[in-house]
Amino acid sequence: MKRAEQQTEGMQKIADLIDQIGVGMLTWDDGTGRLSSRPMLPLEMDADGSLWYFTRLTPDKEAAQGRVNVAFARPDSASYVSVSGRATLLHEREKILSLWSALAEPWFPDGPDDPSLMLLRVDVDDAEFWDASTKCMVRLPYRAPVAAQLDAENGKVLNPQFPAAVV
């Protein structure tokens, strides 16, 4: 996984753990109230703390846009991470090319030009990890440092520095 230097010590700890663990289970509401999950390998954690994935555009992935959770586990080292945030499907050719590697070829044999290849970005707004030394979950004040965002679906302004406020 590519990782940018994170803006806080807590975000760096999460990035280090996710990099060590690898595959996580991405879970979302499929639109009918049913939770769906898929194993996903993060390609990058950018400087804003967002996770980037390759995915194929399918109806269930379209439903994955919105609130999601990604859970990572490596029991042999007692490493567990849970992040939640907002997922967005994107088709940004330059970003696809920058993240492309031979590891993606089994899923996308037509390469980075595969018309069904999309990016899934998870803008993390909450994170926690298991601290084996204290035997408890540690919840981080984790907010990706991005500008205020409008959640038109729920009529709220989302600002990672402050709680959501109704407009």
C-alpha atoms as a PDB file:
ATOM      1  CA  MET A   1       0.000   0.000   0.000  1.00  0.00           C
ATOM      2  CA  LYS A   2       1.231   3.474  -0.830  1.00  0.00           C
ATOM      3  CA  ARG A   3       1.053   5.755   2.184  1.00  0.00           C
ATOM      4  CA  ALA A   4       1.580   9.429   2.541  1.00  0.00           C
ATOM      5  CA  GLU A   5       2.892  10.845   5.774  1.00  0.00           C
ATOM      6  CA  GLN A   6      -0.130  11.307   8.008  1.00  0.00           C
ATOM      7  CA  GLN A   7      -1.002  14.545   9.760  1.00  0.00           C
ATOM      8  CA  THR A   8      -1.292  13.191  13.298  1.00  0.00           C
ATOM      9  CA  GLU A   9       0.348  10.468  15.336  1.00  0.00           C
ATOM     10  CA  GLY A  10      -3.001   8.646  15.594  1.00  0.00           C
ATOM     11  CA  MET A  11      -3.522   8.698  11.832  1.00  0.00           C
ATOM     12  CA  GLN A  12       0.051   7.418  11.365  1.00  0.00           C
ATOM     13  CA  LYS A  13      -0.629   4.520  13.770  1.00  0.00           C
ATOM     14  CA  ILE A  14      -3.748   3.575  11.770  1.00  0.00           C
ATOM     15  CA  ALA A  15      -1.815   3.792   8.465  1.00  0.00           C
ATOM     16  CA  ASP A  16       0.986   1.591   9.847  1.00  0.00           C
ATOM     17  CA  LEU A  17      -1.456  -1.040  11.110  1.00  0.00           C
ATOM     18  CA  ILE A  18      -3.482  -1.120   7.873  1.00  0.00           C
ATOM     19  CA  ASP A  19      -0.271  -1.444   5.860  1.00  0.00           C
ATOM     20  CA  GLN A  20       0.848  -4.391   8.011  1.00  0.00           C
ATOM     21  CA  ILE A  21      -2.531  -6.141   7.859  1.00  0.00           C
ATOM     22  CA  GLY A  22      -3.403  -5.627   4.181  1.00  0.00           C
ATOM     23  CA  VAL A  23      -6.849  -6.853   3.190  1.00  0.00           C
ATOM     24  CA  GLY A  24      -9.861  -5.478   5.046  1.00  0.00           C
ATOM     25  CA  MET A  25     -13.572  -6.239   4.904  1.00  0.00           C
ATOM     26  CA  LEU A  26     -15.487  -3.308   3.403  1.00  0.00           C
ATOM     27  CA  THR A  27     -19.078  -3.258   4.705  1.00  0.00           C
ATOM     28  CA  TRP A  28     -21.984  -1.112   3.475  1.00  0.00           C
ATOM     29  CA  ASP A  29     -25.766  -0.957   3.520  1.00  0.00           C
ATOM     30  CA  ASP A  30     -26.935  -2.372   0.183  1.00  0.00           C
ATOM     31  CA  GLY A  31     -29.900   0.027   0.053  1.00  0.00           C
ATOM     32  CA  THR A  32     -32.388  -2.499   1.425  1.00  0.00           C
ATOM     33  CA  GLY A  33     -31.093  -2.373   4.992  1.00  0.00           C
ATOM     34  CA  ARG A  34     -28.960  -5.493   4.479  1.00  0.00           C
ATOM     35  CA  LEU A  35     -25.244  -5.213   5.234  1.00  0.00           C
ATOM     36  CA  SER A  36     -22.910  -6.474   2.486  1.00  0.00           C
ATOM     37  CA  SER A  37     -19.180  -7.038   2.819  1.00  0.00           C
ATOM     38  CA  ARG A  38     -16.295  -7.709   0.442  1.00  0.00           C
ATOM     39  CA  PRO A  39     -12.589  -8.250   1.069  1.00  0.00           C
ATOM     40  CA  MET A  40     -10.674  -5.283  -0.349  1.00  0.00           C
ATOM     41  CA  LEU A  41      -6.958  -4.475  -0.521  1.00  0.00           C
ATOM     42  CA  PRO A  42      -6.227  -0.774   0.004  1.00  0.00           C
ATOM     43  CA  LEU A  43      -3.926   0.671  -2.646  1.00  0.00           C
ATOM     44  CA  GLU A  44      -3.151   3.943  -0.908  1.00  0.00           C
ATOM     45  CA  MET A  45      -3.734   5.973   2.226  1.00  0.00           C
ATOM     46  CA  ASP A  46      -3.309   9.581   1.138  1.00  0.00           C
ATOM     47  CA  ALA A  47      -2.229  12.586   3.225  1.00  0.00           C
ATOM     48  CA  ASP A  48      -5.886  13.302   4.093  1.00  0.00           C
ATOM     49  CA  GLY A  49      -6.256   9.808   5.573  1.00  0.00           C
ATOM     50  CA  SER A  50      -8.497   8.583   2.736  1.00  0.00           C
ATOM     51  CA  LEU A  51      -8.207   4.956   1.615  1.00  0.00           C
ATOM     52  CA  TRP A  52      -8.179   4.206  -2.132  1.00  0.00           C
ATOM     53  CA  TYR A  53      -9.275   0.943  -3.772  1.00  0.00           C
ATOM     54  CA  PHE A  54      -9.793  -0.439  -7.266  1.00  0.00           C
ATOM     55  CA  THR A  55     -13.241  -1.848  -7.873  1.00  0.00           C
ATOM     56  CA  ARG A  56     -15.541  -2.863 -10.703  1.00  0.00           C
ATOM     57  CA  LEU A  57     -18.681  -0.829 -11.260  1.00  0.00           C
ATOM     58  CA  THR A  58     -21.638  -3.045 -10.335  1.00  0.00           C
ATOM     59  CA  PRO A  59     -25.056  -2.233  -8.856  1.00  0.00           C
ATOM     60  CA  ASP A  60     -23.956  -3.395  -5.397  1.00  0.00           C
ATOM     61  CA  LYS A  61     -20.870  -1.180  -5.541  1.00  0.00           C
ATOM     62  CA  GLU A  62     -23.032   1.792  -6.518  1.00  0.00           C
ATOM     63  CA  ALA A  63     -24.970   1.137  -3.312  1.00  0.00           C
ATOM     64  CA  ALA A  64     -21.642   1.163  -1.439  1.00  0.00           C
ATOM     65  CA  GLN A  65     -21.428   4.916  -1.876  1.00  0.00           C
ATOM     66  CA  GLY A  66     -22.243   6.586   1.412  1.00  0.00           C
ATOM     67  CA  ARG A  67     -21.424   5.386   4.925  1.00  0.00           C
ATOM     68  CA  VAL A  68     -19.096   2.378   5.090  1.00  0.00           C
ATOM     69  CA  ASN A  69     -16.877   0.516   7.516  1.00  0.00           C
ATOM     70  CA  VAL A  70     -13.617  -1.267   6.768  1.00  0.00           C
ATOM     71  CA  ALA A  71     -12.405  -3.799   9.351  1.00  0.00           C
ATOM     72  CA  PHE A  72      -8.839  -5.127   9.278  1.00  0.00           C
ATOM     73  CA  ALA A  73      -7.651  -8.105  11.356  1.00  0.00           C
ATOM     74  CA  ARG A  74      -4.395  -9.946  11.873  1.00  0.00           C
ATOM     75  CA  PRO A  75      -5.000 -12.257  14.844  1.00  0.00           C
ATOM     76  CA  ASP A  76      -1.449 -13.673  14.948  1.00  0.00           C
ATOM     77  CA  SER A  77      -0.143 -10.243  15.991  1.00  0.00           C
ATOM     78  CA  ALA A  78      -3.308  -9.107  17.830  1.00  0.00           C
ATOM     79  CA  SER A  79      -3.710  -6.284  15.285  1.00  0.00           C
ATOM     80  CA  TYR A  80      -7.263  -5.079  14.711  1.00  0.00           C
ATOM     81  CA  VAL A  81      -8.407  -1.835  13.078  1.00  0.00           C
ATOM     82  CA  SER A  82     -11.853  -0.477  12.270  1.00  0.00           C
ATOM     83  CA  VAL A  83     -12.358   2.661  10.189  1.00  0.00           C
ATOM     84  CA  SER A  84     -15.599   4.229   9.055  1.00  0.00           C
ATOM     85  CA  GLY A  85     -16.358   7.044   6.685  1.00  0.00           C
ATOM     86  CA  ARG A  86     -17.942   8.010   3.402  1.00  0.00           C
ATOM     87  CA  ALA A  87     -17.267   6.033   0.209  1.00  0.00           C
ATOM     88  CA  THR A  88     -17.301   7.602  -3.243  1.00  0.00           C
ATOM     89  CA  LEU A  89     -16.929   5.931  -6.653  1.00  0.00           C
ATOM     90  CA  LEU A  90     -14.668   7.846  -9.028  1.00  0.00           C
ATOM     91  CA  HIS A  91     -13.249   7.435 -12.499  1.00  0.00           C
ATOM     92  CA  GLU A  92     -10.051   9.476 -12.463  1.00  0.00           C
ATOM     93  CA  ARG A  93      -7.733   8.184 -15.160  1.00  0.00           C
ATOM     94  CA  GLU A  94      -4.557   9.784 -13.778  1.00  0.00           C
ATOM     95  CA  LYS A  95      -5.199   8.364 -10.297  1.00  0.00           C
ATOM     96  CA  ILE A  96      -5.910   4.912 -11.748  1.00  0.00           C
ATOM     97  CA  LEU A  97      -2.595   5.014 -13.617  1.00  0.00           C
ATOM     98  CA  SER A  98      -0.705   6.201 -10.528  1.00  0.00           C
ATOM     99  CA  LEU A  99      -2.090   3.300  -8.454  1.00  0.00           C
ATOM    100  CA  TRP A 100      -1.912   0.600 -11.138  1.00  0.00           C
ATOM    101  CA  SER A 101       0.327  -2.413 -10.506  1.00  0.00           C
ATOM    102  CA  ALA A 102       0.592  -6.013 -11.692  1.00  0.00           C
ATOM    103  CA  LEU A 103      -1.311  -7.062  -8.547  1.00  0.00           C
ATOM    104  CA  ALA A 104      -4.507  -5.693 -10.119  1.00  0.00           C
ATOM    105  CA  GLU A 105      -4.206  -7.666 -13.372  1.00  0.00           C
ATOM    106  CA  PRO A 106      -6.015 -10.843 -12.200  1.00  0.00           C
ATOM    107  CA  TRP A 107      -9.125  -8.731 -11.480  1.00  0.00           C
ATOM    108  CA  PHE A 108      -8.701  -6.347 -14.405  1.00  0.00           C
ATOM    109  CA  PRO A 109      -7.017  -8.316 -17.232  1.00  0.00           C
ATOM    110  CA  ASP A 110      -7.600  -5.452 -19.695  1.00  0.00           C
ATOM    111  CA  GLY A 111      -5.298  -3.326 -17.543  1.00  0.00           C
ATOM    112  CA  PRO A 112      -5.887   0.247 -16.456  1.00  0.00           C
ATOM    113  CA  ASP A 113      -7.951   0.853 -19.614  1.00  0.00           C
ATOM    114  CA  ASP A 114     -10.640  -1.623 -18.496  1.00  0.00           C
ATOM    115  CA  PRO A 115     -13.894   0.373 -18.869  1.00  0.00           C
ATOM    116  CA  SER A 116     -15.376  -1.179 -15.707  1.00  0.00           C
ATOM    117  CA  LEU A 117     -12.377  -0.203 -13.548  1.00  0.00           C
ATOM    118  CA  MET A 118     -13.322   2.417 -10.973  1.00  0.00           C
ATOM    119  CA  LEU A 119     -11.773   3.913  -7.884  1.00  0.00           C
ATOM    120  CA  LEU A 120     -13.448   3.666  -4.509  1.00  0.00           C
ATOM    121  CA  ARG A 121     -12.272   6.349  -2.088  1.00  0.00           C
ATOM    122  CA  VAL A 122     -13.162   6.030   1.590  1.00  0.00           C
ATOM    123  CA  ASP A 123     -12.870   9.354   3.411  1.00  0.00           C
ATOM    124  CA  VAL A 124     -12.247   8.113   6.937  1.00  0.00           C
ATOM    125  CA  ASP A 125     -13.875  10.087   9.726  1.00  0.00           C
ATOM    126  CA  ASP A 126     -13.637   7.614  12.602  1.00  0.00           C
ATOM    127  CA  ALA A 127     -10.993   5.037  13.506  1.00  0.00           C
ATOM    128  CA  GLU A 128     -10.172   2.678  16.312  1.00  0.00           C
ATOM    129  CA  PHE A 129      -7.613  -0.038  16.923  1.00  0.00           C
ATOM    130  CA  TRP A 130      -6.931  -2.769  19.459  1.00  0.00           C
ATOM    131  CA  ASP A 131      -4.060  -1.896  21.783  1.00  0.00           C
ATOM    132  CA  ALA A 132      -2.736  -5.297  22.859  1.00  0.00           C
ATOM    133  CA  SER A 133      -0.594  -3.774  25.634  1.00  0.00           C
ATOM    134  CA  THR A 134      -3.650  -2.362  27.444  1.00  0.00           C
ATOM    135  CA  LYS A 135      -6.127  -4.950  26.132  1.00  0.00           C
ATOM    136  CA  CYS A 136      -8.646  -2.348  24.981  1.00  0.00           C
ATOM    137  CA  MET A 137      -9.884  -0.585  21.860  1.00  0.00           C
ATOM    138  CA  VAL A 138      -8.466   2.885  21.301  1.00  0.00           C
ATOM    139  CA  ARG A 139     -10.802   5.305  19.530  1.00  0.00           C
ATOM    140  CA  LEU A 140      -8.975   8.114  17.813  1.00  0.00           C
ATOM    141  CA  PRO A 141     -10.168  11.665  17.323  1.00  0.00           C
ATOM    142  CA  TYR A 142      -9.669  10.937  13.648  1.00  0.00           C
ATOM    143  CA  ARG A 143     -10.834  13.535  11.200  1.00  0.00           C
ATOM    144  CA  ALA A 144      -9.392  13.756   7.704  1.00  0.00           C
ATOM    145  CA  PRO A 145      -8.230  17.372   7.272  1.00  0.00           C
ATOM    146  CA  VAL A 146     -10.325  18.363   4.289  1.00  0.00           C
ATOM    147  CA  ALA A 147     -12.615  21.313   3.694  1.00  0.00           C
ATOM    148  CA  ALA A 148     -16.250  21.247   4.763  1.00  0.00           C
ATOM    149  CA  GLN A 149     -18.360  18.935   2.612  1.00  0.00           C
ATOM    150  CA  LEU A 150     -22.071  19.053   1.891  1.00  0.00           C
ATOM    151  CA  ASP A 151     -24.039  15.879   2.482  1.00  0.00           C
ATOM    152  CA  ALA A 152     -26.988  16.764   0.259  1.00  0.00           C
ATOM    153  CA  GLU A 153     -28.756  13.473   0.979  1.00  0.00           C
ATOM    154  CA  ASN A 154     -29.080  14.311   4.674  1.00  0.00           C
ATOM    155  CA  GLY A 155     -29.032  18.127   4.406  1.00  0.00           C
ATOM    156  CA  LYS A 156     -25.960  18.510   6.601  1.00  0.00           C
ATOM    157  CA  VAL A 157     -22.632  20.225   6.267  1.00  0.00           C
ATOM    158  CA  LEU A 158     -19.890  17.802   7.208  1.00  0.00           C
ATOM    159  CA  ASN A 159     -16.800  19.463   8.565  1.00  0.00           C
ATOM    160  CA  PRO A 160     -14.079  17.123   9.772  1.00  0.00           C
ATOM    161  CA  GLN A 161     -12.981  19.623  12.433  1.00  0.00           C
ATOM    162  CA  PHE A 162     -16.401  20.030  14.051  1.00  0.00           C
ATOM    163  CA  PRO A 163     -19.546  17.922  14.494  1.00  0.00           C
ATOM    164  CA  ALA A 164     -22.021  17.879  11.617  1.00  0.00           C
ATOM    165  CA  ALA A 165     -24.331  20.878  11.627  1.00  0.00           C
ATOM    166  CA  VAL A 166     -27.773  21.046  10.076  1.00  0.00           C
ATOM    167  CA  VAL A 167     -28.184  23.688   7.341  1.00  0.00           C
END
